[in-house]
Protein backbone atom coordinates (compact mmCIF):
# COMPACT_ATOMS: atom_id res chain seq x y z
CA UNK A 1 104.39 -16.47 116.50
CA UNK A 2 105.63 -18.54 119.84
CA UNK A 3 109.35 -20.42 119.71
CA UNK A 4 109.22 -23.96 120.98
CA UNK A 5 111.59 -24.87 124.24
CA UNK A 6 113.75 -26.83 121.60
CA UNK A 7 114.18 -24.50 119.45
CA UNK A 8 115.33 -21.91 122.40
CA UNK A 9 117.53 -24.02 123.35
CA UNK A 10 119.29 -24.70 120.37
CA UNK A 11 119.78 -20.85 119.54
CA UNK A 12 121.46 -21.15 123.01
CA UNK A 13 123.53 -23.54 122.35
CA UNK A 14 124.61 -21.75 119.37
CA UNK A 15 125.73 -18.86 120.68
CA UNK A 16 127.34 -20.52 123.66
CA UNK A 17 129.17 -22.15 120.87
CA UNK A 18 130.49 -19.06 119.14
CA UNK A 19 131.22 -17.49 122.09
CA UNK A 20 133.20 -20.57 123.50
CA UNK A 21 135.30 -20.09 119.60
CA UNK A 22 135.70 -16.99 119.74
CA UNK A 23 137.14 -17.10 122.52
CA UNK A 24 139.55 -19.59 122.22
CA UNK A 25 140.00 -17.93 118.61
CA UNK A 26 140.81 -14.60 120.76
CA UNK A 27 143.44 -16.40 123.20
CA UNK A 28 145.32 -17.28 120.49
CA UNK A 29 145.70 -14.05 118.94
CA UNK A 30 147.33 -12.36 121.95
CA UNK A 31 149.77 -15.12 122.62
CA UNK A 32 150.79 -14.97 119.17
CA UNK A 33 150.87 -10.85 119.59
CA UNK A 34 153.00 -11.30 122.38
CA UNK A 35 155.42 -13.64 120.29
CA UNK A 36 154.38 -16.91 122.46
CA UNK A 37 154.94 -19.60 119.90
CA UNK A 38 151.86 -22.19 119.26
CA UNK A 39 152.11 -24.85 121.76
CA UNK A 40 152.48 -28.59 119.90
CA UNK A 41 153.67 -31.05 123.05
CA UNK A 42 155.19 -34.11 121.69
CA UNK A 43 152.12 -35.75 123.40
CA UNK A 44 150.33 -34.00 121.04
CA UNK A 45 152.54 -35.06 117.92
CA UNK A 46 151.30 -37.93 115.62
CA UNK A 47 153.92 -40.12 115.51
CA UNK A 48 155.00 -42.16 112.14
CA UNK A 49 157.06 -44.99 112.40
CA UNK A 50 160.14 -43.32 110.85
CA UNK A 51 159.52 -40.38 113.83
CA UNK A 52 159.51 -43.27 116.63
CA UNK A 53 162.05 -45.32 115.32
CA UNK A 54 164.76 -43.77 117.10
CA UNK A 55 163.36 -43.03 120.91
CA UNK A 56 162.38 -46.83 120.41
CA UNK A 57 166.35 -47.71 119.55
CA UNK A 58 167.31 -45.62 122.74
CA UNK A 59 164.80 -47.57 124.46
CA UNK A 60 165.77 -50.77 123.37
CA UNK A 61 169.44 -50.15 123.87
CA UNK A 62 168.93 -49.33 127.38
CA UNK A 63 170.22 -45.69 127.39
CA UNK A 64 169.67 -44.13 130.91
CA UNK A 65 166.07 -42.86 130.75
CA UNK A 66 167.34 -39.09 131.37
CA UNK A 67 169.53 -38.71 128.38
CA UNK A 68 166.12 -40.37 126.34
CA UNK A 69 163.83 -37.73 127.50
CA UNK A 70 166.86 -34.98 126.33
CA UNK A 71 167.56 -35.94 123.43
CA UNK A 72 164.41 -35.90 122.16
CA UNK A 73 163.09 -33.79 123.67
CA UNK A 74 160.09 -35.62 125.97
CA UNK A 75 158.73 -35.46 129.37
CA UNK A 76 158.61 -38.75 131.34
CA UNK A 77 154.77 -39.11 130.86
CA UNK A 78 155.21 -38.58 127.55
CA UNK A 79 157.81 -41.46 126.97
CA UNK A 80 155.86 -43.61 129.11
CA UNK A 81 152.57 -42.77 127.22
CA UNK A 82 154.88 -43.48 124.03
CA UNK A 83 155.61 -47.32 125.04
CA UNK A 84 152.13 -48.09 126.58
CA UNK A 85 150.87 -47.29 123.62
CA UNK A 86 153.03 -48.57 121.49
CA UNK A 87 153.36 -52.16 123.33
CA UNK A 88 157.63 -51.79 124.01
CA UNK A 89 158.94 -53.87 126.40
CA UNK A 90 159.58 -53.38 129.86
CA UNK A 91 163.43 -52.13 130.17
CA UNK A 92 164.19 -54.44 133.08
CA UNK A 93 165.03 -58.00 132.36
CA UNK A 94 162.18 -60.60 133.83
CA UNK A 95 161.94 -63.46 135.58
CA UNK A 96 158.99 -65.87 135.18
CA UNK A 97 160.14 -67.12 138.84
CA UNK A 98 160.03 -63.72 140.44
CA UNK A 99 156.60 -61.35 141.36
CA UNK A 100 157.46 -57.76 140.88
CA UNK A 101 157.66 -57.34 144.48
CA UNK A 102 160.65 -59.98 143.89
CA UNK A 103 162.07 -57.75 141.85
CA UNK A 104 161.47 -54.39 143.36
CA UNK A 105 162.97 -56.06 146.60
CA UNK A 106 166.16 -57.71 144.41
CA UNK A 107 166.56 -54.33 142.68
CA UNK A 108 166.92 -52.47 146.57
CA UNK A 109 169.40 -55.25 147.96
CA UNK A 110 171.84 -55.17 144.78
CA UNK A 111 173.64 -51.98 145.73
CA UNK A 112 174.38 -53.64 149.48
CA UNK A 113 174.88 -57.41 148.88
CA UNK A 114 175.57 -57.70 144.79
CA UNK A 115 173.05 -59.33 142.70
CA UNK A 116 173.61 -62.72 143.32
CA UNK A 117 173.53 -63.01 147.10
CA UNK A 118 170.24 -60.42 146.28
CA UNK A 119 168.57 -62.57 144.33
CA UNK A 120 169.15 -65.42 146.72
CA UNK A 121 168.36 -63.56 149.49
CA UNK A 122 165.45 -62.84 148.02
CA UNK A 123 164.31 -65.82 146.56
CA UNK A 124 164.99 -68.32 148.93
CA UNK A 125 162.00 -70.30 150.80
CA UNK A 126 160.13 -68.42 152.63
CA UNK A 127 162.19 -68.22 156.47
CA UNK A 128 159.99 -67.65 159.41
CA UNK A 129 160.32 -63.90 160.71
CA UNK A 130 160.32 -63.58 164.66
């Protein structure tokens, strides 16, 4: 009795799938024996509204980023991912008349010349540069 190529391919796929699953199970078993906790990072957490409320409250209150990360055990990437998925507003005051480039130029100037001066300098009509 000859088998079709499709049957043989299906069997190969099935064996490969089972081997892959076994390999993953073996890896998990070894880690468990070694006393390593199963890794469930914040990225994989199922975020309920209640679980997210304190993080969002800190975000809205403009708590320092490092403090938010430490308090809630997040990485910066996880926090930003949460923010993007949840459509939280940006943490800066928005200036509708200002482009992103102008905003960051102001941020750079503020420590040296102060907020008012930085705004005036960046938003002044374009001056000719030699």
